[in-house]
Amino acid sequence: MLRNKLANLNISYTRLLVGIQIYWYYAESAKIEIGKLMTHKNMRIASSVSPKEVHIDSSHVGCSLRLFSKDNICVASYNAETRTCLLYTSGCSPSFEVLSKGTLLIRRDLSGSIQDNEDCSYYKNINKPSGVYIIQPEGFSTGLLVYCDMDRGSSGWIVIQNRYDGSVNFYETWNQYKEGFGSLSGEFWFGNDNLHMLTYSNKYMLRVDLTDDSGNQRYAEYYIFRVFDEADKYRLIIGGYQGDAGDAMYYNNNKIFHTKDQDSTVGFLEGVCSLERYCGFWFDRCTWANTNGRWLPGTNSWESNYWYQWHNTVGLAKISMKIRRK
């Protein structure tokens, strides 16, 4: 009897080991298979396209496995609230139509240009021109309207400041810089709250494009760009310069934002920086990069929108600041 019990125990133990091995085999296989898929947040297939199959799955992992197990299915859309898995035979091409609001879009890892639309690179990759678009970054439940610059470098840039004709007054208050002002299709400041939310959801870099009153152009890029929240006065962390305009913003690193109604700085002449430089910016004994100063092309003035390392304090004709994910 003892032998029988021991034999039964051995059989049970063996079955347990085999069961564990089988479980891990399939678990690892599923992990490998899912790794061959691409998942995009906050996107879905356009409503004009009908799904081939509809299923209920407890998570997007199950939905992904359904996609992977069917050769004729290229794309799946998973809604976590309803646990609905929609499978599509359309969408094998990288140019399939998607919408910027939705749940999780899952597709086979095909070579192509489809990416999530958290920033302007999505629109750049489907060959859209520069213009105003909706992106869906983390922290923005209803999306965010931005101006995308598609003409600089290899990836679309989110423009956060634009100056070119002097039509917008940048000598504004704390709340106006906090919320943003101007027009995305013209001159504007993107808003410090937006800058904080974006640069804390992902790692971003900054590019500044400059044009003088003779049409000459220079640029500065910073590999590190992060803005703290309002409680820390939108403190700026910036670094990793490259470009041909000169590193005028090294002085702004770890500085807090100041405006004409909230400024604790003391300038070189014992004045207040936001008043001396005629704008809101990251100041501490003022700045060598006065991108938000008065639009005074060709005029030598500390109030002008200058980039000191290029033209000293001579005002520039155009300045555009933009960011993108690294």
Protein backbone atom coordinates (compact mmCIF):
# COMPACT_ATOMS: atom_id res chain seq x y z
CA MET A 1 0.00 0.00 0.00
CA LEU A 2 2.85 2.36 0.88
CA ARG A 3 4.45 1.58 -2.47
CA ASN A 4 1.17 2.45 -4.23
CA LYS A 5 0.93 5.77 -2.39
CA LEU A 6 4.53 6.61 -3.24
CA ALA A 7 3.92 5.62 -6.85
CA ASN A 8 0.82 7.86 -6.97
CA LEU A 9 2.81 10.70 -5.43
CA ASN A 10 5.54 10.28 -8.03
CA ILE A 11 2.95 10.28 -10.80
CA SER A 12 1.32 13.43 -9.39
CA TYR A 13 4.70 15.12 -8.99
CA THR A 14 5.68 14.18 -12.53
CA ARG A 15 2.38 15.52 -13.86
CA LEU A 16 2.94 18.72 -11.91
CA LEU A 17 6.41 19.18 -13.37
CA VAL A 18 5.14 18.45 -16.86
CA GLY A 19 2.26 20.87 -16.31
CA ILE A 20 4.63 23.62 -15.19
CA GLN A 21 6.90 23.00 -18.17
CA ILE A 22 3.96 23.11 -20.58
CA TYR A 23 2.67 26.30 -18.93
CA TRP A 24 6.02 28.05 -19.20
CA TYR A 25 6.47 26.78 -22.76
CA TYR A 26 3.20 28.35 -23.85
CA ALA A 27 3.76 31.43 -21.69
CA GLU A 28 7.15 32.03 -23.28
CA SER A 29 5.72 31.30 -26.73
CA ALA A 30 2.95 33.82 -26.16
CA LYS A 31 5.53 36.33 -24.98
CA ILE A 32 7.59 35.79 -28.12
CA GLU A 33 4.54 36.00 -30.38
CA ILE A 34 3.21 39.17 -28.77
CA GLY A 35 6.66 40.65 -29.17
CA LYS A 36 6.10 40.41 -32.92
CA LEU A 37 3.14 42.78 -32.68
CA MET A 38 2.97 46.56 -32.39
CA THR A 39 0.49 48.15 -29.97
CA HIS A 40 -0.54 51.78 -30.36
CA LYS A 41 -2.33 53.69 -27.60
CA ASN A 42 -5.41 55.87 -28.16
CA MET A 43 -5.96 54.83 -31.76
CA ARG A 44 -8.54 52.77 -33.61
CA ILE A 45 -9.55 51.78 -37.13
CA ALA A 46 -11.80 54.29 -38.88
CA SER A 47 -15.54 53.52 -38.53
CA SER A 48 -15.84 53.17 -42.30
CA VAL A 49 -13.93 49.86 -42.05
CA SER A 50 -15.92 46.82 -40.81
CA PRO A 51 -14.30 44.13 -38.63
CA LYS A 52 -14.08 40.57 -39.88
CA GLU A 53 -14.57 39.06 -36.40
CA VAL A 54 -15.73 40.25 -32.97
CA HIS A 55 -14.66 38.51 -29.73
CA ILE A 56 -14.68 39.10 -25.97
CA ASP A 57 -11.24 38.86 -24.30
CA SER A 58 -10.16 39.62 -20.75
CA SER A 59 -7.15 41.67 -21.89
CA HIS A 60 -5.36 42.98 -24.96
CA VAL A 61 -2.98 40.02 -24.65
CA GLY A 62 -5.76 37.61 -25.58
CA CYS A 63 -6.78 39.86 -28.43
CA SER A 64 -3.16 39.95 -29.63
CA LEU A 65 -2.97 36.15 -29.61
CA ARG A 66 -6.14 35.95 -31.70
CA LEU A 67 -4.57 38.28 -34.26
CA PHE A 68 -1.35 36.30 -34.35
CA SER A 69 -3.10 32.95 -34.78
CA LYS A 70 -4.94 34.01 -37.96
CA ASP A 71 -2.98 34.56 -41.16
CA ASN A 72 -5.73 36.65 -42.77
CA ILE A 73 -6.00 39.10 -39.81
CA CYS A 74 -3.62 42.04 -39.89
CA VAL A 75 -5.01 44.47 -37.32
CA ALA A 76 -6.95 44.21 -34.07
CA SER A 77 -8.61 46.87 -31.92
CA TYR A 78 -9.15 46.21 -28.20
CA ASN A 79 -11.47 48.15 -25.88
CA ALA A 80 -10.57 47.48 -22.23
CA GLU A 81 -13.90 48.83 -20.91
CA THR A 82 -16.09 46.52 -22.98
CA ARG A 83 -13.40 43.81 -23.37
CA THR A 84 -14.19 43.77 -27.07
CA CYS A 85 -11.63 42.48 -29.55
CA LEU A 86 -12.25 43.50 -33.17
CA LEU A 87 -10.26 41.71 -35.88
CA TYR A 88 -9.74 43.22 -39.34
CA THR A 89 -8.56 41.79 -42.63
CA SER A 90 -8.03 45.35 -43.86
CA GLY A 91 -5.05 47.30 -42.60
CA CYS A 92 -2.14 45.15 -43.80
CA SER A 93 -0.72 48.21 -45.50
CA PRO A 94 1.13 50.78 -43.35
CA SER A 95 -1.18 53.45 -44.77
CA PHE A 96 -4.47 52.11 -43.37
CA GLU A 97 -6.88 54.71 -42.02
CA VAL A 98 -6.88 55.23 -38.25
CA LEU A 99 -8.46 57.74 -35.88
CA SER A 100 -6.66 59.62 -33.10
CA LYS A 101 -9.21 58.71 -30.41
CA GLY A 102 -9.90 55.18 -29.33
CA THR A 103 -8.40 52.38 -27.28
CA LEU A 104 -5.58 50.00 -28.26
CA LEU A 105 -4.70 49.32 -31.87
CA ILE A 106 -2.68 46.13 -32.41
CA ARG A 107 -1.02 45.18 -35.69
CA ARG A 108 1.58 42.80 -37.02
CA ASP A 109 5.10 44.19 -36.93
CA LEU A 110 5.25 45.07 -40.60
CA SER A 111 7.83 47.44 -41.99
CA GLY A 112 6.15 50.77 -42.60
CA SER A 113 5.37 54.15 -41.13
CA ILE A 114 2.40 53.67 -38.79
CA GLN A 115 3.18 54.79 -35.25
CA ASP A 116 1.13 56.01 -32.31
CA ASN A 117 0.04 59.63 -32.49
CA GLU A 118 1.53 60.85 -29.21
CA ASP A 119 3.47 63.51 -31.10
CA CYS A 120 3.99 65.00 -34.56
CA SER A 121 6.19 62.14 -35.79
CA TYR A 122 3.02 60.12 -36.55
CA TYR A 123 1.85 62.72 -39.08
CA LYS A 124 5.38 63.17 -40.41
CA ASN A 125 5.59 59.43 -41.11
CA ILE A 126 2.39 59.43 -43.16
CA ASN A 127 3.74 62.35 -45.21
CA LYS A 128 1.51 65.10 -43.86
CA PRO A 129 2.74 68.68 -44.43
CA SER A 130 3.46 71.18 -41.65
CA GLY A 131 0.26 72.37 -40.02
CA VAL A 132 -2.15 72.08 -37.08
CA TYR A 133 -2.98 68.53 -35.91
CA ILE A 134 -4.40 66.70 -32.89
CA ILE A 135 -1.96 64.52 -30.95
CA GLN A 136 -2.78 62.15 -28.08
CA PRO A 137 0.09 62.26 -25.54
CA GLU A 138 -0.12 60.73 -22.08
CA GLY A 139 -2.05 62.91 -19.62
CA PHE A 140 -4.30 64.54 -22.27
CA SER A 141 -7.56 62.59 -22.29
CA THR A 142 -9.20 64.65 -25.04
CA GLY A 143 -6.12 65.15 -27.21
CA LEU A 144 -4.01 68.25 -27.76
CA LEU A 145 -4.07 70.66 -30.69
CA VAL A 146 -0.52 71.48 -31.85
CA TYR A 147 1.37 72.94 -34.78
CA CYS A 148 3.66 70.32 -36.33
CA ASP A 149 6.82 71.40 -38.17
CA MET A 150 7.65 68.67 -40.70
CA ASP A 151 10.48 70.52 -42.44
CA ARG A 152 13.27 70.28 -39.85
CA GLY A 153 15.30 67.12 -39.37
CA SER A 154 14.02 63.56 -39.68
CA SER A 155 11.04 63.79 -37.32
CA GLY A 156 8.03 66.05 -36.84
CA TRP A 157 8.46 68.78 -34.21
CA ILE A 158 5.82 70.22 -31.85
CA VAL A 159 6.20 73.99 -32.13
CA ILE A 160 6.06 75.61 -28.66
CA GLN A 161 6.86 79.21 -29.63
CA ASN A 162 6.79 81.14 -32.89
CA ARG A 163 7.86 84.70 -33.72
CA TYR A 164 8.01 86.17 -37.21
CA ASP A 165 5.98 89.38 -37.60
CA GLY A 166 5.52 91.01 -34.18
CA SER A 167 1.74 90.63 -34.27
CA VAL A 168 1.53 89.07 -30.78
CA ASN A 169 2.62 90.76 -27.55
CA PHE A 170 4.85 88.47 -25.47
CA TYR A 171 5.04 90.89 -22.52
CA GLU A 172 2.34 88.88 -20.74
CA THR A 173 1.35 87.74 -17.23
CA TRP A 174 2.02 84.50 -15.36
CA ASN A 175 -1.43 83.04 -16.11
CA GLN A 176 -1.17 83.85 -19.78
CA TYR A 177 2.18 82.06 -20.06
CA LYS A 178 0.74 79.22 -17.97
CA GLU A 179 -2.18 78.66 -20.35
CA GLY A 180 -0.56 79.82 -23.59
CA PHE A 181 -1.55 82.65 -25.94
CA GLY A 182 -1.60 83.66 -29.58
CA SER A 183 -2.67 81.48 -32.52
CA LEU A 184 -1.17 78.14 -33.60
CA SER A 185 -1.35 79.32 -37.19
CA GLY A 186 0.54 82.52 -36.31
CA GLU A 187 2.66 83.77 -33.43
CA PHE A 188 2.13 82.05 -30.07
CA TRP A 189 3.41 80.62 -26.79
CA PHE A 190 2.31 77.00 -26.27
CA GLY A 191 1.65 77.21 -22.52
CA ASN A 192 3.79 76.20 -19.54
CA ASP A 193 1.26 73.63 -18.28
CA ASN A 194 1.40 71.92 -21.67
CA LEU A 195 5.20 71.99 -21.65
CA HIS A 196 5.29 70.36 -18.23
CA MET A 197 2.75 67.64 -19.12
CA LEU A 198 4.54 66.75 -22.36
CA THR A 199 8.12 66.74 -21.09
CA TYR A 200 7.22 64.65 -18.04
CA SER A 201 5.32 62.01 -20.03
CA ASN A 202 8.35 61.30 -22.24
CA LYS A 203 11.93 62.41 -22.87
CA TYR A 204 12.02 65.45 -25.15
CA MET A 205 14.64 67.51 -26.92
CA LEU A 206 14.47 71.17 -28.02
CA ARG A 207 15.31 72.87 -31.30
CA VAL A 208 15.49 76.65 -31.80
CA ASP A 209 15.50 77.99 -35.38
CA LEU A 210 16.75 81.56 -35.85
CA THR A 211 16.68 83.99 -38.78
CA ASP A 212 18.25 87.46 -38.75
CA ASP A 213 16.97 90.55 -40.59
CA SER A 214 19.20 89.69 -43.60
CA GLY A 215 17.68 86.22 -43.98
CA ASN A 216 20.65 84.30 -42.57
CA GLN A 217 19.68 81.21 -40.58
CA ARG A 218 21.15 79.35 -37.60
CA TYR A 219 19.88 76.70 -35.20
CA ALA A 220 20.47 75.32 -31.72
CA GLU A 221 19.42 71.88 -30.46
CA TYR A 222 19.38 70.63 -26.87
CA TYR A 223 19.22 66.90 -26.24
CA ILE A 224 17.71 67.45 -22.77
CA PHE A 225 14.59 69.59 -22.27
CA ARG A 226 12.24 69.23 -19.31
CA VAL A 227 9.89 71.69 -17.58
CA PHE A 228 8.77 71.18 -13.97
CA ASP A 229 5.24 71.93 -12.73
CA GLU A 230 3.78 75.21 -11.53
CA ALA A 231 4.56 74.39 -7.88
CA ASP A 232 8.25 74.56 -8.86
CA LYS A 233 7.70 77.68 -10.99
CA TYR A 234 8.10 75.70 -14.24
CA ARG A 235 11.80 75.16 -13.55
CA LEU A 236 13.76 74.33 -16.71
CA ILE A 237 16.28 71.52 -17.15
CA ILE A 238 18.19 71.88 -20.41
CA GLY A 239 21.48 70.57 -21.79
CA GLY A 240 23.32 68.64 -24.49
CA TYR A 241 23.77 71.51 -26.98
CA GLN A 242 24.61 71.10 -30.64
CA GLY A 243 24.16 73.47 -33.58
CA ASP A 244 25.71 76.55 -35.23
CA ALA A 245 23.98 79.39 -33.35
CA GLY A 246 25.95 79.07 -30.10
CA ASP A 247 24.82 77.75 -26.71
CA ALA A 248 22.85 80.77 -25.52
CA MET A 249 20.57 78.74 -23.22
CA TYR A 250 23.24 77.17 -20.99
CA TYR A 251 22.55 80.05 -18.60
CA ASN A 252 18.87 79.06 -18.32
CA ASN A 253 19.48 75.56 -16.96
CA ASN A 254 17.80 74.94 -13.57
CA LYS A 255 16.18 78.39 -13.66
CA ILE A 256 12.54 79.08 -12.80
CA PHE A 257 10.10 80.93 -15.03
CA HIS A 258 9.43 84.64 -14.44
CA THR A 259 6.86 87.09 -15.78
CA LYS A 260 6.17 90.78 -15.24
CA ASP A 261 3.74 90.00 -12.40
CA GLN A 262 5.81 87.21 -10.79
CA ASP A 263 9.54 87.97 -10.85
CA SER A 264 12.09 87.54 -8.06
CA THR A 265 15.17 88.17 -10.21
CA VAL A 266 17.76 90.90 -9.92
CA GLY A 267 19.32 91.88 -13.25
CA PHE A 268 22.82 93.21 -13.94
CA LEU A 269 21.64 96.77 -13.34
CA GLU A 270 19.74 95.77 -10.17
CA GLY A 271 16.51 95.74 -12.17
CA VAL A 272 13.89 93.02 -12.69
CA CYS A 273 14.69 90.71 -15.59
CA SER A 274 11.19 90.32 -17.02
CA LEU A 275 10.87 94.12 -17.10
CA GLU A 276 14.37 94.64 -18.52
CA ARG A 277 13.94 91.91 -21.16
CA TYR A 278 10.29 92.78 -21.80
CA CYS A 279 8.90 89.21 -21.67
CA GLY A 280 8.36 86.04 -19.65
CA PHE A 281 11.17 83.48 -19.62
CA TRP A 282 13.55 81.38 -17.49
CA PHE A 283 15.63 84.14 -15.86
CA ASP A 284 18.39 84.47 -13.27
CA ARG A 285 20.41 87.64 -13.62
CA CYS A 286 18.55 87.59 -16.92
CA THR A 287 19.51 85.58 -20.03
CA TRP A 288 21.64 85.27 -23.17
CA ALA A 289 18.62 83.88 -25.06
CA ASN A 290 15.75 86.37 -25.06
CA THR A 291 13.50 84.56 -27.53
CA ASN A 292 10.30 86.14 -26.14
CA GLY A 293 11.57 89.72 -26.14
CA ARG A 294 10.18 92.52 -28.29
CA TRP A 295 10.13 91.89 -32.04
CA LEU A 296 12.78 94.42 -33.11
CA PRO A 297 14.60 92.98 -36.18
CA GLY A 298 18.03 94.58 -36.64
CA THR A 299 17.68 96.75 -33.52
CA ASN A 300 20.39 96.52 -30.85
CA SER A 301 18.48 96.41 -27.56
CA TRP A 302 18.35 94.29 -24.38
CA GLU A 303 14.56 94.26 -24.86
CA SER A 304 14.76 92.67 -28.31
CA ASN A 305 14.27 89.01 -29.19
CA TYR A 306 18.00 88.27 -29.41
CA TRP A 307 20.30 85.21 -29.33
CA TYR A 308 23.45 86.67 -27.78
CA GLN A 309 25.94 84.04 -28.99
CA TRP A 310 25.03 84.80 -32.60
CA HIS A 311 24.15 88.53 -32.92
CA ASN A 312 24.64 89.84 -29.38
CA THR A 313 21.51 91.86 -28.50
CA VAL A 314 20.44 92.62 -32.08
CA GLY A 315 16.82 91.62 -32.60
CA LEU A 316 16.07 88.70 -34.94
CA ALA A 317 13.42 88.53 -37.68
CA LYS A 318 12.26 84.98 -36.85
CA ILE A 319 12.54 82.66 -33.86
CA SER A 320 10.81 79.31 -33.53
CA MET A 321 11.15 76.90 -30.60
CA LYS A 322 10.02 73.28 -31.01
CA ILE A 323 10.29 69.95 -29.21
CA ARG A 324 10.08 66.25 -30.11
CA ARG A 325 10.44 62.92 -28.35
CA LYS A 326 13.90 61.41 -28.37
